[in-house]
């Protein structure tokens, strides 16, 4: 799986997602500008020593990043504007999960370009605004990995 963070702002969220990607065998792409520098102590602290176990790349635009994905990759946007719940998607190993900025989400032109079934909304009770970015990434990536039988998971 591949996780993309569009212009992340909070270093501890990105650090937690680095750790998540390391523990699920997923790649991570970051779209500039970032709200922090990559050696920010809060980012490093949240990611602990997992940075070396993740393939992390940075790009200047979402288009540039997505152009590097395999032809078989499907792109899914995590968005409160979506109508598809994560359990209704049949994820594949090359799929790409794109998450927006903590304060403003993903650009409308990007989400508008995707088919409705590729706009994923995490269920919440009425009146709730949104989940934390790191929690959203955890929920979606874990569901995708679960559907793939936790491929690559070590047995205890």
N, C-alpha and C. Protein backbone atom coordinates (compact mmCIF):
# COMPACT_ATOMS: atom_id res chain seq x y z
N UNK A 1 0.85 -1.18 0.00
CA UNK A 1 0.00 0.00 0.00
C UNK A 1 0.89 1.24 0.00
N UNK A 2 0.27 2.34 -0.37
CA UNK A 2 1.00 3.59 -0.44
C UNK A 2 0.14 4.68 0.20
N UNK A 3 0.73 5.44 1.12
CA UNK A 3 0.04 6.54 1.79
C UNK A 3 0.62 7.84 1.27
N UNK A 4 -0.25 8.79 0.96
CA UNK A 4 0.16 10.12 0.51
C UNK A 4 -0.45 11.15 1.45
N UNK A 5 0.40 12.04 1.97
CA UNK A 5 -0.08 13.14 2.80
C UNK A 5 0.08 14.44 2.01
N UNK A 6 -1.03 15.09 1.74
CA UNK A 6 -1.02 16.35 1.00
C UNK A 6 -0.79 17.51 1.97
N UNK A 7 0.38 18.10 1.87
CA UNK A 7 0.77 19.28 2.64
C UNK A 7 0.48 19.15 4.14
N UNK A 8 0.99 18.11 4.78
CA UNK A 8 0.73 17.93 6.21
C UNK A 8 1.30 19.10 7.01
N UNK A 9 0.62 19.43 8.09
CA UNK A 9 0.98 20.61 8.88
C UNK A 9 1.55 20.29 10.26
N UNK A 10 1.15 19.18 10.84
CA UNK A 10 1.50 18.88 12.23
C UNK A 10 2.52 17.75 12.26
N UNK A 11 3.73 18.04 12.75
CA UNK A 11 4.80 17.04 12.70
C UNK A 11 4.48 15.75 13.46
N UNK A 12 3.80 15.83 14.57
CA UNK A 12 3.53 14.61 15.33
C UNK A 12 2.56 13.70 14.57
N UNK A 13 1.63 14.25 13.80
CA UNK A 13 0.76 13.41 12.98
C UNK A 13 1.58 12.65 11.94
N UNK A 14 2.46 13.37 11.26
CA UNK A 14 3.29 12.73 10.23
C UNK A 14 4.21 11.70 10.88
N UNK A 15 4.77 12.00 12.03
CA UNK A 15 5.61 11.04 12.74
C UNK A 15 4.87 9.76 13.08
N UNK A 16 3.63 9.91 13.54
CA UNK A 16 2.82 8.73 13.84
C UNK A 16 2.51 7.93 12.58
N UNK A 17 2.30 8.62 11.47
CA UNK A 17 2.01 7.93 10.20
C UNK A 17 3.26 7.24 9.69
N UNK A 18 4.43 7.81 9.92
CA UNK A 18 5.68 7.13 9.57
C UNK A 18 5.76 5.80 10.32
N UNK A 19 5.45 5.83 11.58
CA UNK A 19 5.47 4.61 12.39
C UNK A 19 4.44 3.61 11.88
N UNK A 20 3.25 4.09 11.54
CA UNK A 20 2.20 3.25 10.98
C UNK A 20 2.67 2.58 9.69
N UNK A 21 3.27 3.34 8.81
CA UNK A 21 3.75 2.80 7.54
C UNK A 21 4.85 1.77 7.76
N UNK A 22 5.73 2.04 8.71
CA UNK A 22 6.80 1.08 9.01
C UNK A 22 6.22 -0.24 9.49
N UNK A 23 5.19 -0.18 10.31
CA UNK A 23 4.62 -1.39 10.89
C UNK A 23 3.66 -2.13 9.97
N UNK A 24 3.28 -1.51 8.85
CA UNK A 24 2.40 -2.18 7.89
C UNK A 24 3.10 -2.45 6.56
N UNK A 25 4.37 -2.05 6.46
CA UNK A 25 5.11 -2.27 5.22
C UNK A 25 4.67 -1.37 4.09
N UNK A 26 4.15 -0.19 4.41
CA UNK A 26 3.63 0.74 3.41
C UNK A 26 4.63 1.84 3.09
N UNK A 27 4.53 2.37 1.88
CA UNK A 27 5.35 3.52 1.48
C UNK A 27 4.62 4.80 1.85
N UNK A 28 5.39 5.89 1.96
CA UNK A 28 4.82 7.18 2.34
C UNK A 28 5.36 8.27 1.43
N UNK A 29 4.45 9.07 0.90
CA UNK A 29 4.83 10.25 0.12
C UNK A 29 4.27 11.48 0.80
N UNK A 30 5.09 12.53 0.82
CA UNK A 30 4.71 13.81 1.41
C UNK A 30 4.71 14.86 0.32
N UNK A 31 3.63 15.63 0.24
CA UNK A 31 3.50 16.68 -0.77
C UNK A 31 3.81 18.03 -0.13
N UNK A 32 4.78 18.73 -0.70
CA UNK A 32 5.18 20.05 -0.20
C UNK A 32 4.15 21.11 -0.60
N UNK A 33 4.11 22.22 0.15
CA UNK A 33 4.95 22.53 1.30
C UNK A 33 4.48 21.80 2.55
N UNK A 34 5.45 21.47 3.39
CA UNK A 34 5.17 20.82 4.67
C UNK A 34 5.08 21.91 5.74
N UNK A 35 4.33 21.66 6.78
CA UNK A 35 4.20 22.61 7.87
C UNK A 35 5.32 22.48 8.89
N UNK A 36 6.39 21.81 8.53
CA UNK A 36 7.51 21.54 9.43
C UNK A 36 8.70 21.13 8.57
N UNK A 37 9.86 21.04 9.19
CA UNK A 37 11.02 20.52 8.47
C UNK A 37 11.16 19.04 8.84
N UNK A 38 11.72 18.27 7.92
CA UNK A 38 11.75 16.82 8.12
C UNK A 38 12.59 16.36 9.30
N UNK A 39 13.46 17.22 9.83
CA UNK A 39 14.21 16.81 11.02
C UNK A 39 13.65 17.47 12.29
N UNK A 40 12.40 17.94 12.23
CA UNK A 40 11.72 18.52 13.39
C UNK A 40 11.73 17.49 14.52
N UNK A 41 12.09 17.92 15.72
CA UNK A 41 12.20 16.98 16.84
C UNK A 41 10.86 16.33 17.19
N UNK A 42 9.74 17.05 16.96
CA UNK A 42 8.41 16.47 17.24
C UNK A 42 8.09 15.37 16.23
N UNK A 43 8.51 15.56 14.99
CA UNK A 43 8.32 14.53 13.97
C UNK A 43 9.16 13.30 14.31
N UNK A 44 10.41 13.54 14.65
CA UNK A 44 11.31 12.43 14.98
C UNK A 44 10.86 11.70 16.23
N UNK A 45 10.38 12.45 17.22
CA UNK A 45 9.92 11.81 18.45
C UNK A 45 8.70 10.94 18.20
N UNK A 46 7.73 11.44 17.44
CA UNK A 46 6.52 10.67 17.17
C UNK A 46 6.82 9.44 16.32
N UNK A 47 7.78 9.56 15.40
CA UNK A 47 8.13 8.44 14.55
C UNK A 47 9.14 7.50 15.17
N UNK A 48 9.63 7.88 16.37
CA UNK A 48 10.66 7.13 17.07
C UNK A 48 11.80 6.82 16.11
N UNK A 49 12.25 5.61 16.07
CA UNK A 49 13.35 5.25 15.18
C UNK A 49 12.85 4.46 13.97
N UNK A 50 11.63 4.73 13.54
CA UNK A 50 11.03 3.99 12.44
C UNK A 50 11.32 4.58 11.07
N UNK A 51 11.88 5.79 11.02
CA UNK A 51 12.12 6.45 9.74
C UNK A 51 12.93 5.59 8.78
N UNK A 52 13.88 4.87 9.31
CA UNK A 52 14.76 4.06 8.45
C UNK A 52 14.05 2.85 7.85
N UNK A 53 12.86 2.52 8.35
CA UNK A 53 12.13 1.35 7.87
C UNK A 53 11.02 1.70 6.88
N UNK A 54 10.95 2.97 6.48
CA UNK A 54 9.89 3.42 5.58
C UNK A 54 10.51 4.09 4.36
N UNK A 55 9.95 3.76 3.21
CA UNK A 55 10.34 4.43 1.97
C UNK A 55 9.56 5.75 1.92
N UNK A 56 10.22 6.86 2.28
CA UNK A 56 9.58 8.17 2.31
C UNK A 56 10.12 9.01 1.17
N UNK A 57 9.20 9.56 0.39
CA UNK A 57 9.58 10.46 -0.70
C UNK A 57 8.79 11.75 -0.58
N UNK A 58 9.39 12.84 -1.03
CA UNK A 58 8.69 14.13 -1.04
C UNK A 58 8.53 14.60 -2.48
N UNK A 59 7.43 15.29 -2.72
CA UNK A 59 7.11 15.79 -4.06
C UNK A 59 6.62 17.23 -3.95
N UNK A 60 6.71 17.95 -5.07
CA UNK A 60 6.26 19.34 -5.10
C UNK A 60 4.78 19.48 -5.41
N UNK A 61 4.17 18.41 -5.92
CA UNK A 61 2.73 18.47 -6.21
C UNK A 61 2.13 17.07 -6.12
N UNK A 62 0.84 17.05 -5.94
CA UNK A 62 0.11 15.78 -5.90
C UNK A 62 0.18 15.09 -7.26
N UNK A 63 0.09 15.87 -8.33
CA UNK A 63 0.16 15.31 -9.68
C UNK A 63 1.51 14.63 -9.91
N UNK A 64 2.60 15.28 -9.49
CA UNK A 64 3.92 14.70 -9.64
C UNK A 64 4.01 13.36 -8.89
N UNK A 65 3.52 13.35 -7.69
CA UNK A 65 3.54 12.12 -6.87
C UNK A 65 2.75 11.00 -7.54
N UNK A 66 1.52 11.29 -7.91
CA UNK A 66 0.65 10.25 -8.47
C UNK A 66 1.17 9.72 -9.81
N UNK A 67 1.92 10.54 -10.53
CA UNK A 67 2.47 10.08 -11.81
C UNK A 67 3.54 9.01 -11.63
N UNK A 68 4.05 8.84 -10.42
CA UNK A 68 5.08 7.83 -10.15
C UNK A 68 4.51 6.50 -9.69
N UNK A 69 3.21 6.44 -9.48
CA UNK A 69 2.57 5.22 -8.99
C UNK A 69 2.43 4.19 -10.11
N UNK A 70 2.39 2.91 -9.75
CA UNK A 70 2.22 1.87 -10.78
C UNK A 70 0.91 2.07 -11.55
N UNK A 71 0.90 1.63 -12.80
CA UNK A 71 -0.30 1.77 -13.64
C UNK A 71 -1.50 1.07 -13.03
N UNK A 72 -1.26 0.01 -12.26
CA UNK A 72 -2.36 -0.75 -11.64
C UNK A 72 -2.90 -0.10 -10.37
N UNK A 73 -2.27 0.96 -9.91
CA UNK A 73 -2.67 1.60 -8.65
C UNK A 73 -3.99 2.34 -8.82
N UNK A 74 -4.85 2.16 -7.84
CA UNK A 74 -6.08 2.96 -7.76
C UNK A 74 -5.86 3.99 -6.67
N UNK A 75 -6.36 5.18 -6.89
CA UNK A 75 -6.18 6.28 -5.94
C UNK A 75 -7.49 6.49 -5.19
N UNK A 76 -7.39 6.49 -3.86
CA UNK A 76 -8.53 6.74 -3.00
C UNK A 76 -8.27 7.99 -2.17
N UNK A 77 -9.27 8.84 -2.06
CA UNK A 77 -9.16 10.05 -1.24
C UNK A 77 -9.94 9.85 0.04
N UNK A 78 -9.31 10.18 1.16
CA UNK A 78 -10.01 10.19 2.44
C UNK A 78 -10.65 11.57 2.55
N UNK A 79 -11.98 11.61 2.54
CA UNK A 79 -12.66 12.90 2.54
C UNK A 79 -14.02 12.82 3.22
N UNK A 80 -14.35 13.86 3.96
CA UNK A 80 -15.66 13.93 4.60
C UNK A 80 -16.76 14.14 3.56
N UNK A 81 -16.39 14.46 2.33
CA UNK A 81 -17.35 14.67 1.24
C UNK A 81 -17.69 13.37 0.51
N UNK A 82 -17.02 12.27 0.88
CA UNK A 82 -17.27 10.99 0.24
C UNK A 82 -18.49 10.31 0.80
N UNK A 83 -18.91 9.26 0.11
CA UNK A 83 -20.07 8.48 0.56
C UNK A 83 -19.76 7.00 0.71
N UNK A 84 -18.53 6.61 0.39
CA UNK A 84 -18.15 5.21 0.45
C UNK A 84 -17.44 4.91 1.77
N UNK A 85 -17.95 3.97 2.53
CA UNK A 85 -17.30 3.57 3.78
C UNK A 85 -16.14 2.62 3.47
N UNK A 86 -15.11 2.61 4.30
CA UNK A 86 -13.92 1.80 4.03
C UNK A 86 -14.20 0.31 3.88
N UNK A 87 -15.17 -0.22 4.60
CA UNK A 87 -15.44 -1.65 4.53
C UNK A 87 -16.15 -2.05 3.24
N UNK A 88 -16.57 -1.08 2.45
CA UNK A 88 -17.24 -1.36 1.18
C UNK A 88 -16.29 -1.30 -0.01
N UNK A 89 -15.03 -1.00 0.25
CA UNK A 89 -14.01 -0.95 -0.78
C UNK A 89 -13.24 -2.26 -0.76
N UNK A 90 -12.91 -2.78 -1.93
CA UNK A 90 -12.08 -3.98 -2.03
C UNK A 90 -10.68 -3.51 -2.40
N UNK A 91 -9.83 -3.34 -1.39
CA UNK A 91 -8.49 -2.80 -1.58
C UNK A 91 -7.54 -3.82 -2.20
N UNK A 92 -6.58 -3.31 -2.95
CA UNK A 92 -5.53 -4.11 -3.57
C UNK A 92 -4.17 -3.61 -3.08
N UNK A 93 -3.14 -4.45 -3.19
CA UNK A 93 -1.81 -4.08 -2.67
C UNK A 93 -1.21 -2.80 -3.26
N UNK A 94 -1.53 -2.44 -4.49
CA UNK A 94 -0.96 -1.24 -5.11
C UNK A 94 -1.79 0.02 -4.88
N UNK A 95 -2.86 -0.08 -4.13
CA UNK A 95 -3.73 1.08 -3.95
C UNK A 95 -3.03 2.21 -3.20
N UNK A 96 -3.49 3.43 -3.49
CA UNK A 96 -2.91 4.64 -2.91
C UNK A 96 -3.99 5.32 -2.08
N UNK A 97 -3.66 5.62 -0.83
CA UNK A 97 -4.57 6.33 0.07
C UNK A 97 -4.06 7.75 0.24
N UNK A 98 -4.86 8.74 -0.17
CA UNK A 98 -4.45 10.14 -0.12
C UNK A 98 -5.22 10.85 0.99
N UNK A 99 -4.47 11.54 1.85
CA UNK A 99 -5.04 12.28 2.97
C UNK A 99 -4.70 13.75 2.84
N UNK A 100 -5.62 14.62 3.23
CA UNK A 100 -5.44 16.05 3.10
C UNK A 100 -4.84 16.71 4.32
N UNK A 101 -4.69 18.02 4.21
CA UNK A 101 -4.15 18.83 5.30
C UNK A 101 -5.07 18.76 6.51
N UNK A 102 -4.48 18.90 7.67
CA UNK A 102 -5.27 18.86 8.90
C UNK A 102 -6.32 19.96 8.95
N UNK A 103 -6.02 21.14 8.41
CA UNK A 103 -6.94 22.27 8.52
C UNK A 103 -7.88 22.44 7.33
N UNK A 104 -7.52 21.92 6.16
CA UNK A 104 -8.35 22.20 4.99
C UNK A 104 -8.61 21.00 4.08
N UNK A 105 -8.12 19.83 4.43
CA UNK A 105 -8.39 18.64 3.63
C UNK A 105 -7.70 18.64 2.28
N UNK A 106 -8.34 17.99 1.32
CA UNK A 106 -7.80 17.87 -0.03
C UNK A 106 -8.42 18.92 -0.95
N UNK A 107 -7.70 19.30 -1.99
CA UNK A 107 -8.27 20.27 -2.95
C UNK A 107 -9.50 19.70 -3.65
N UNK A 108 -10.52 20.54 -3.84
CA UNK A 108 -11.74 20.09 -4.50
C UNK A 108 -11.49 19.58 -5.91
N UNK A 109 -10.57 20.20 -6.65
CA UNK A 109 -10.33 19.74 -8.02
C UNK A 109 -9.79 18.31 -8.04
N UNK A 110 -9.04 17.94 -7.02
CA UNK A 110 -8.55 16.56 -6.94
C UNK A 110 -9.69 15.60 -6.61
N UNK A 111 -10.43 15.87 -5.54
CA UNK A 111 -11.51 14.95 -5.15
C UNK A 111 -12.60 14.90 -6.22
N UNK A 112 -12.87 16.02 -6.88
CA UNK A 112 -13.89 16.04 -7.93
C UNK A 112 -13.48 15.17 -9.12
N UNK A 113 -12.20 14.95 -9.31
CA UNK A 113 -11.71 14.16 -10.44
C UNK A 113 -11.84 12.66 -10.22
N UNK A 114 -12.13 12.25 -9.00
CA UNK A 114 -12.21 10.82 -8.68
C UNK A 114 -13.64 10.31 -8.77
N UNK A 115 -13.81 9.05 -9.17
CA UNK A 115 -15.14 8.44 -9.13
C UNK A 115 -15.64 8.39 -7.68
N UNK A 116 -16.93 8.42 -7.50
CA UNK A 116 -17.52 8.45 -6.15
C UNK A 116 -17.03 7.30 -5.28
N UNK A 117 -16.85 6.10 -5.86
CA UNK A 117 -16.44 4.95 -5.06
C UNK A 117 -15.00 5.05 -4.58
N UNK A 118 -14.25 6.03 -5.06
CA UNK A 118 -12.87 6.23 -4.62
C UNK A 118 -12.73 7.40 -3.64
N UNK A 119 -13.87 7.91 -3.18
CA UNK A 119 -13.89 8.95 -2.15
C UNK A 119 -14.38 8.29 -0.87
N UNK A 120 -13.46 8.04 0.04
CA UNK A 120 -13.79 7.27 1.24
C UNK A 120 -14.07 8.20 2.42
N UNK A 121 -15.17 7.91 3.09
CA UNK A 121 -15.54 8.65 4.30
C UNK A 121 -15.56 7.67 5.46
N UNK A 122 -14.86 8.03 6.53
CA UNK A 122 -14.85 7.21 7.74
C UNK A 122 -16.11 7.56 8.53
N UNK A 123 -16.91 6.57 8.89
CA UNK A 123 -18.15 6.85 9.62
C UNK A 123 -17.90 7.53 10.96
N UNK A 124 -18.80 8.43 11.31
CA UNK A 124 -18.76 9.13 12.61
C UNK A 124 -20.21 9.34 13.06
N UNK A 125 -20.39 9.60 14.33
CA UNK A 125 -21.72 9.92 14.83
C UNK A 125 -22.12 11.31 14.34
N UNK A 126 -23.42 11.57 14.22
CA UNK A 126 -23.87 12.89 13.77
C UNK A 126 -23.31 14.01 14.66
N UNK A 127 -22.97 15.11 14.03
CA UNK A 127 -22.46 16.27 14.76
C UNK A 127 -20.95 16.29 14.92
N UNK A 128 -20.27 15.20 14.55
CA UNK A 128 -18.81 15.16 14.63
C UNK A 128 -18.21 15.85 13.42
N UNK A 129 -17.06 16.50 13.61
CA UNK A 129 -16.40 17.20 12.49
C UNK A 129 -15.47 16.29 11.71
N UNK A 130 -14.47 15.74 12.39
CA UNK A 130 -13.49 14.91 11.68
C UNK A 130 -12.61 14.16 12.67
N UNK A 131 -11.89 13.19 12.12
CA UNK A 131 -10.91 12.45 12.90
C UNK A 131 -9.56 13.15 12.77
N UNK A 132 -8.66 12.86 13.68
CA UNK A 132 -7.27 13.29 13.58
C UNK A 132 -6.65 12.61 12.36
N UNK A 133 -5.71 13.30 11.70
CA UNK A 133 -5.08 12.78 10.49
C UNK A 133 -4.42 11.42 10.73
N UNK A 134 -3.65 11.29 11.78
CA UNK A 134 -2.97 10.02 12.05
C UNK A 134 -3.98 8.91 12.34
N UNK A 135 -5.07 9.23 13.02
CA UNK A 135 -6.10 8.22 13.28
C UNK A 135 -6.80 7.82 11.99
N UNK A 136 -7.08 8.77 11.13
CA UNK A 136 -7.72 8.47 9.85
C UNK A 136 -6.84 7.54 9.01
N UNK A 137 -5.56 7.86 8.95
CA UNK A 137 -4.63 7.00 8.19
C UNK A 137 -4.60 5.60 8.79
N UNK A 138 -4.61 5.51 10.10
CA UNK A 138 -4.59 4.20 10.77
C UNK A 138 -5.83 3.38 10.44
N UNK A 139 -6.98 4.02 10.49
CA UNK A 139 -8.24 3.32 10.23
C UNK A 139 -8.26 2.77 8.80
N UNK A 140 -7.95 3.62 7.83
CA UNK A 140 -8.04 3.19 6.43
C UNK A 140 -6.94 2.20 6.05
N UNK A 141 -5.72 2.47 6.47
CA UNK A 141 -4.63 1.58 6.11
C UNK A 141 -4.81 0.21 6.77
N UNK A 142 -5.26 0.19 8.00
CA UNK A 142 -5.48 -1.09 8.68
C UNK A 142 -6.58 -1.89 7.99
N UNK A 143 -7.66 -1.23 7.59
CA UNK A 143 -8.74 -1.93 6.89
C UNK A 143 -8.23 -2.50 5.57
N UNK A 144 -7.45 -1.72 4.84
CA UNK A 144 -6.90 -2.20 3.56
C UNK A 144 -5.97 -3.38 3.80
N UNK A 145 -5.14 -3.30 4.81
CA UNK A 145 -4.20 -4.38 5.11
C UNK A 145 -4.94 -5.63 5.59
N UNK A 146 -5.97 -5.43 6.39
CA UNK A 146 -6.79 -6.56 6.87
C UNK A 146 -7.39 -7.31 5.69
N UNK A 147 -7.91 -6.57 4.72
CA UNK A 147 -8.50 -7.20 3.55
C UNK A 147 -7.49 -8.03 2.76
N UNK A 148 -6.24 -7.69 2.88
CA UNK A 148 -5.18 -8.42 2.17
C UNK A 148 -4.58 -9.52 3.04
N UNK A 149 -5.28 -9.87 4.11
CA UNK A 149 -4.84 -10.95 4.98
C UNK A 149 -3.58 -10.61 5.77
N UNK A 150 -3.37 -9.31 6.03
CA UNK A 150 -2.19 -8.83 6.73
C UNK A 150 -0.91 -9.36 6.07
N UNK A 151 -0.87 -9.23 4.74
CA UNK A 151 0.27 -9.69 3.95
C UNK A 151 1.58 -9.15 4.50
N UNK A 152 2.54 -10.05 4.66
CA UNK A 152 3.86 -9.66 5.15
C UNK A 152 3.97 -9.59 6.66
N UNK A 153 2.87 -9.85 7.36
CA UNK A 153 2.88 -9.78 8.83
C UNK A 153 3.67 -10.96 9.38
N UNK A 154 4.47 -10.68 10.38
CA UNK A 154 5.21 -11.78 10.99
C UNK A 154 4.31 -12.52 11.96
N UNK A 155 4.53 -13.80 12.06
CA UNK A 155 3.80 -14.63 13.02
C UNK A 155 4.54 -14.59 14.34
N UNK A 156 3.82 -14.50 15.44
CA UNK A 156 4.46 -14.49 16.76
C UNK A 156 4.70 -15.88 17.26
